[in-house]
């Protein structure tokens, strides 16, 4: 029996890519009103969401708690399936810890089963690509224990670089200091950010202006991509499709045979990066 693969709404995967992946719901509030994101990016009204952020609406996210994992994992284990869950980074969320606690509890109840939580050290397509890898391995009938090691080995190769239009959203959630955000805004400095080897968001470059930030993302791809004629690349954006298409054109100029997926950036981590976020995700030599 193939093992079950779980991800959550932060994986950013379009419906066409969800074959073999079960998506857990992510909860957030808009001006205090509860919302549930079930992972259907095509049904997500990104324009209204990011416009609301720009206009100052209060959007707050909450981590996936241990009870949620117990509720969804228990029936799967009871049916005799093992589980691999790909979590958003432990460096930016408590979700990984909550899932790990649930796994420990469930393995006491089902000692013959296997539950593995993958720390993606990323978010968005940064964990979505790993979930795709896990689902691919499951479809081959590979043992879950072997597959888990293979997915963990992929983590350092999932490159995820992004830029934001306004650092104040990262400031609000403590990802950057208020002084950094203020100086960057005044000088029109656009940072190139990525999830480092510990899963924390750090800056690897600073450029001036939006155009240069898009070019810098493409340069990162050129530097880090694998020497293959064919590449899978994902781009997510916070309601800035024109910029996403510009970045896609630069990627195609570097690798003409590229399978590009472009979609809006999901709401769960979107509240932290804000409107104008532009992210690039691909498998590369290293982060």
Protein backbone atom coordinates (compact mmCIF):
# COMPACT_ATOMS: atom_id res chain seq x y z
CA UNK A 1 0.00 0.00 0.00
CA UNK A 2 1.44 3.44 -0.95
CA UNK A 3 2.18 5.70 1.97
CA UNK A 4 0.06 8.83 2.45
CA UNK A 5 1.53 12.24 1.68
CA UNK A 6 0.28 15.31 3.52
CA UNK A 7 1.01 18.99 3.03
CA UNK A 8 -0.98 22.06 3.98
CA UNK A 9 -2.28 25.20 2.32
CA UNK A 10 1.09 26.90 2.60
CA UNK A 11 2.47 24.48 -0.03
CA UNK A 12 0.94 26.75 -2.72
CA UNK A 13 0.26 23.87 -5.13
CA UNK A 14 -2.38 24.33 -7.85
CA UNK A 15 -5.08 21.65 -8.00
CA UNK A 16 -3.52 20.02 -11.09
CA UNK A 17 -0.41 19.24 -9.02
CA UNK A 18 -2.17 17.72 -6.01
CA UNK A 19 -2.47 14.14 -7.22
CA UNK A 20 -1.44 11.90 -4.33
CA UNK A 21 -1.22 14.78 -1.83
CA UNK A 22 -3.70 15.45 0.95
CA UNK A 23 -3.94 19.11 1.96
CA UNK A 24 -4.57 20.20 5.54
CA UNK A 25 -6.50 23.44 6.10
CA UNK A 26 -4.81 26.65 7.21
CA UNK A 27 -6.71 29.15 9.34
CA UNK A 28 -6.36 32.92 9.47
CA UNK A 29 -8.47 35.93 10.35
CA UNK A 30 -9.34 39.05 8.38
CA UNK A 31 -10.24 41.93 10.69
CA UNK A 32 -10.99 39.32 13.35
CA UNK A 33 -13.25 37.21 11.16
CA UNK A 34 -12.10 33.56 10.82
CA UNK A 35 -11.17 32.22 7.39
CA UNK A 36 -10.10 28.73 6.32
CA UNK A 37 -7.82 28.14 3.34
CA UNK A 38 -8.14 24.61 1.99
CA UNK A 39 -5.31 24.83 -0.49
CA UNK A 40 -7.29 25.64 -3.64
CA UNK A 41 -5.16 28.45 -5.04
CA UNK A 42 -7.41 28.84 -8.09
CA UNK A 43 -10.36 29.73 -5.86
CA UNK A 44 -8.36 32.13 -3.72
CA UNK A 45 -9.31 35.78 -4.41
CA UNK A 46 -5.75 37.04 -4.28
CA UNK A 47 -6.58 40.50 -5.63
CA UNK A 48 -9.04 41.20 -2.81
CA UNK A 49 -6.70 39.65 -0.23
CA UNK A 50 -3.58 41.61 -1.17
CA UNK A 51 -5.54 44.80 -1.77
CA UNK A 52 -6.91 44.41 1.75
CA UNK A 53 -3.39 44.08 3.13
CA UNK A 54 -2.32 47.18 1.23
CA UNK A 55 -5.28 49.10 2.64
CA UNK A 56 -4.38 48.13 6.19
CA UNK A 57 -6.79 45.31 6.95
CA UNK A 58 -5.65 43.15 9.86
CA UNK A 59 -4.82 39.64 8.67
CA UNK A 60 -3.43 37.20 11.22
CA UNK A 61 -2.42 33.58 10.76
CA UNK A 62 -2.30 30.78 13.31
CA UNK A 63 -0.11 27.69 13.27
CA UNK A 64 -1.55 24.27 12.56
CA UNK A 65 -2.01 22.75 15.99
CA UNK A 66 -1.30 19.24 17.23
CA UNK A 67 -4.97 18.30 17.41
CA UNK A 68 -5.41 19.00 13.70
CA UNK A 69 -2.68 16.50 12.86
CA UNK A 70 -4.08 13.90 15.24
CA UNK A 71 -7.51 14.24 13.65
CA UNK A 72 -6.27 13.82 10.08
CA UNK A 73 -3.44 11.33 10.62
CA UNK A 74 -5.13 8.84 12.96
CA UNK A 75 -7.66 7.40 10.44
CA UNK A 76 -4.90 6.95 7.85
CA UNK A 77 -2.67 5.04 10.26
CA UNK A 78 -5.65 2.97 11.44
CA UNK A 79 -6.12 1.85 7.82
CA UNK A 80 -2.54 0.59 7.70
CA UNK A 81 -0.85 3.43 5.80
CA UNK A 82 2.37 5.16 6.77
CA UNK A 83 2.60 8.96 6.50
CA UNK A 84 5.01 11.61 5.28
CA UNK A 85 4.00 15.20 6.04
CA UNK A 86 5.93 18.11 4.52
CA UNK A 87 5.84 21.06 6.90
CA UNK A 88 6.67 24.71 6.45
CA UNK A 89 9.98 25.71 7.98
CA UNK A 90 10.57 25.28 11.69
CA UNK A 91 12.51 28.53 11.44
CA UNK A 92 9.39 30.60 10.75
CA UNK A 93 6.51 28.62 12.23
CA UNK A 94 5.61 26.33 15.12
CA UNK A 95 3.73 24.00 12.76
CA UNK A 96 6.69 21.61 12.42
CA UNK A 97 6.87 21.18 16.21
CA UNK A 98 3.10 20.65 16.46
CA UNK A 99 3.23 17.97 13.76
CA UNK A 100 6.21 16.28 15.41
CA UNK A 101 4.36 16.10 18.75
CA UNK A 102 1.37 14.55 17.00
CA UNK A 103 3.64 12.00 15.28
CA UNK A 104 5.16 10.97 18.62
CA UNK A 105 1.74 10.49 20.17
CA UNK A 106 0.39 8.51 17.23
CA UNK A 107 3.42 6.22 17.04
CA UNK A 108 2.75 5.21 20.64
CA UNK A 109 -0.75 4.20 19.54
CA UNK A 110 0.41 2.61 16.25
CA UNK A 111 3.97 1.36 16.93
CA UNK A 112 3.97 -0.74 13.75
CA UNK A 113 3.39 2.34 11.57
CA UNK A 114 5.74 5.10 10.38
CA UNK A 115 5.13 8.86 10.51
CA UNK A 116 7.76 11.30 9.30
CA UNK A 117 7.61 15.10 9.41
CA UNK A 118 9.81 16.82 6.83
CA UNK A 119 11.17 20.22 7.84
CA UNK A 120 11.18 21.91 4.45
CA UNK A 121 13.17 24.91 5.73
CA UNK A 122 10.90 26.88 3.44
CA UNK A 123 7.36 27.87 2.66
CA UNK A 124 5.09 28.21 -0.35
CA UNK A 125 6.45 26.19 -3.25
CA UNK A 126 9.49 25.63 -1.02
CA UNK A 127 7.56 22.87 0.73
CA UNK A 128 5.20 22.22 -2.17
CA UNK A 129 8.03 20.90 -4.36
CA UNK A 130 9.06 18.50 -1.60
CA UNK A 131 5.49 17.26 -1.25
CA UNK A 132 5.48 16.59 -5.00
CA UNK A 133 8.65 14.55 -4.61
CA UNK A 134 7.12 12.54 -1.77
CA UNK A 135 3.97 11.85 -3.82
CA UNK A 136 6.08 10.73 -6.76
CA UNK A 137 7.98 8.28 -4.56
CA UNK A 138 4.75 7.00 -3.02
CA UNK A 139 3.34 6.27 -6.48
CA UNK A 140 6.27 3.95 -7.18
CA UNK A 141 5.46 1.80 -4.14
CA UNK A 142 8.67 2.75 -2.34
CA UNK A 143 8.82 2.06 1.39
CA UNK A 144 7.98 5.19 3.41
CA UNK A 145 11.16 4.95 5.48
CA UNK A 146 13.34 4.95 2.38
CA UNK A 147 11.28 7.72 0.79
CA UNK A 148 11.54 9.89 3.90
CA UNK A 149 15.33 9.82 3.71
CA UNK A 150 15.19 10.74 0.03
CA UNK A 151 12.85 13.68 0.64
CA UNK A 152 14.99 14.94 3.52
CA UNK A 153 18.02 14.77 1.22
CA UNK A 154 16.20 17.05 -1.25
CA UNK A 155 15.71 19.86 1.29
CA UNK A 156 19.11 21.57 0.74
CA UNK A 157 18.50 21.56 -3.02
CA UNK A 158 15.15 23.33 -3.04
CA UNK A 159 16.14 26.88 -3.92
CA UNK A 160 13.67 29.56 -2.95
CA UNK A 161 14.41 33.20 -3.51
CA UNK A 162 11.96 36.06 -3.25
CA UNK A 163 11.67 39.81 -3.08
CA UNK A 164 9.02 41.99 -1.52
CA UNK A 165 7.64 45.36 -2.47
CA UNK A 166 7.22 46.59 1.09
CA UNK A 167 9.36 45.39 4.00
CA UNK A 168 6.83 46.71 6.51
CA UNK A 169 4.87 43.47 6.27
CA UNK A 170 7.91 41.47 7.34
CA UNK A 171 8.53 44.09 10.04
CA UNK A 172 5.04 43.58 11.50
CA UNK A 173 5.71 39.91 12.07
CA UNK A 174 9.23 40.41 13.42
CA UNK A 175 11.12 39.13 10.38
CA UNK A 176 13.05 42.38 9.92
CA UNK A 177 13.66 45.38 12.21
CA UNK A 178 11.69 48.60 11.97
CA UNK A 179 14.85 50.57 11.15
CA UNK A 180 15.73 48.20 8.30
CA UNK A 181 12.25 48.54 6.84
CA UNK A 182 12.32 52.33 7.13
CA UNK A 183 15.72 52.75 5.48
CA UNK A 184 14.81 50.31 2.69
CA UNK A 185 11.58 52.19 1.98
CA UNK A 186 13.27 55.60 1.83
CA UNK A 187 16.09 54.40 -0.44
CA UNK A 188 13.88 52.09 -2.56
CA UNK A 189 16.08 49.16 -1.59
CA UNK A 190 14.67 45.78 -2.57
CA UNK A 191 16.17 42.84 -0.71
CA UNK A 192 16.60 39.39 -2.22
CA UNK A 193 15.54 37.00 0.52
CA UNK A 194 15.77 33.26 0.96
CA UNK A 195 15.29 30.49 3.49
CA UNK A 196 18.74 29.57 4.79
CA UNK A 197 19.95 26.14 5.94
CA UNK A 198 18.13 26.59 9.25
CA UNK A 199 14.92 27.73 7.60
CA UNK A 200 15.15 31.36 8.70
CA UNK A 201 14.45 34.20 6.26
CA UNK A 202 17.63 36.13 5.54
CA UNK A 203 18.80 38.62 2.95
CA UNK A 204 21.45 37.54 0.47
CA UNK A 205 21.51 40.68 -1.68
CA UNK A 206 20.12 44.22 -1.85
CA UNK A 207 19.37 46.12 -5.02
CA UNK A 208 17.67 49.40 -5.84
CA UNK A 209 14.36 49.34 -7.66
CA UNK A 210 11.85 46.69 -8.64
CA UNK A 211 13.32 45.99 -12.09
CA UNK A 212 16.72 45.15 -10.64
CA UNK A 213 15.18 42.92 -7.99
CA UNK A 214 13.44 40.84 -10.68
CA UNK A 215 16.70 40.60 -12.61
CA UNK A 216 18.49 39.56 -9.42
CA UNK A 217 16.06 36.66 -8.93
CA UNK A 218 16.78 35.44 -12.46
CA UNK A 219 20.50 35.72 -11.77
CA UNK A 220 20.11 33.52 -8.71
CA UNK A 221 18.45 30.93 -10.91
CA UNK A 222 21.29 31.09 -13.41
CA UNK A 223 23.84 30.64 -10.63
CA UNK A 224 22.10 27.85 -8.71
CA UNK A 225 20.25 25.83 -11.37
CA UNK A 226 21.29 22.32 -12.27
CA UNK A 227 23.12 21.79 -15.55
CA UNK A 228 20.13 20.14 -17.20
CA UNK A 229 18.44 20.96 -20.53
CA UNK A 230 15.02 20.75 -18.89
CA UNK A 231 13.97 22.44 -15.65
CA UNK A 232 10.87 22.64 -13.44
CA UNK A 233 10.44 26.16 -12.06
CA UNK A 234 7.66 27.69 -9.95
CA UNK A 235 6.87 31.38 -9.52
CA UNK A 236 4.40 32.77 -6.99
CA UNK A 237 3.36 36.37 -6.66
CA UNK A 238 1.36 38.64 -4.38
CA UNK A 239 -1.04 39.99 -7.01
CA UNK A 240 1.69 41.20 -9.39
CA UNK A 241 1.23 38.98 -12.45
CA UNK A 242 3.04 41.36 -14.80
CA UNK A 243 6.21 41.10 -12.71
CA UNK A 244 5.81 37.32 -12.53
CA UNK A 245 5.59 37.16 -16.32
CA UNK A 246 8.67 39.36 -16.63
CA UNK A 247 10.58 36.98 -14.37
CA UNK A 248 9.27 34.01 -16.35
CA UNK A 249 10.62 35.56 -19.55
CA UNK A 250 14.06 35.93 -18.00
CA UNK A 251 14.00 32.30 -16.85
CA UNK A 252 13.01 31.10 -20.31
CA UNK A 253 15.91 33.05 -21.81
CA UNK A 254 18.29 31.11 -19.54
CA UNK A 255 16.61 27.70 -19.95
CA UNK A 256 14.35 27.55 -23.03
CA UNK A 257 13.07 24.06 -22.12
CA UNK A 258 11.50 24.99 -18.82
CA UNK A 259 8.26 23.80 -17.27
CA UNK A 260 6.99 26.96 -15.58
CA UNK A 261 4.19 27.12 -13.03
CA UNK A 262 2.99 30.63 -12.19
CA UNK A 263 0.30 31.33 -9.61
CA UNK A 264 -0.72 33.67 -6.83
CA UNK A 265 1.08 33.32 -3.52
CA UNK A 266 -1.09 31.58 -0.94
CA UNK A 267 -2.68 33.60 1.89
CA UNK A 268 -1.14 31.78 4.85
CA UNK A 269 2.40 33.13 4.45
CA UNK A 270 1.19 35.89 2.14
CA UNK A 271 0.18 37.93 5.17
CA UNK A 272 3.85 38.12 6.16
CA UNK A 273 5.35 39.01 2.77
CA UNK A 274 2.55 41.27 1.55
CA UNK A 275 1.37 42.52 -1.85
CA UNK A 276 4.09 42.63 -4.48
CA UNK A 277 5.87 39.55 -3.17
CA UNK A 278 7.60 37.73 -6.03
CA UNK A 279 9.09 34.28 -5.40
CA UNK A 280 11.17 31.87 -7.47
CA UNK A 281 11.41 28.16 -6.58
CA UNK A 282 13.42 25.40 -8.26
CA UNK A 283 15.69 22.43 -7.61
CA UNK A 284 19.31 23.55 -7.72
CA UNK A 285 22.85 22.71 -6.67
CA UNK A 286 22.34 24.21 -3.23
CA UNK A 287 20.43 27.02 -1.58
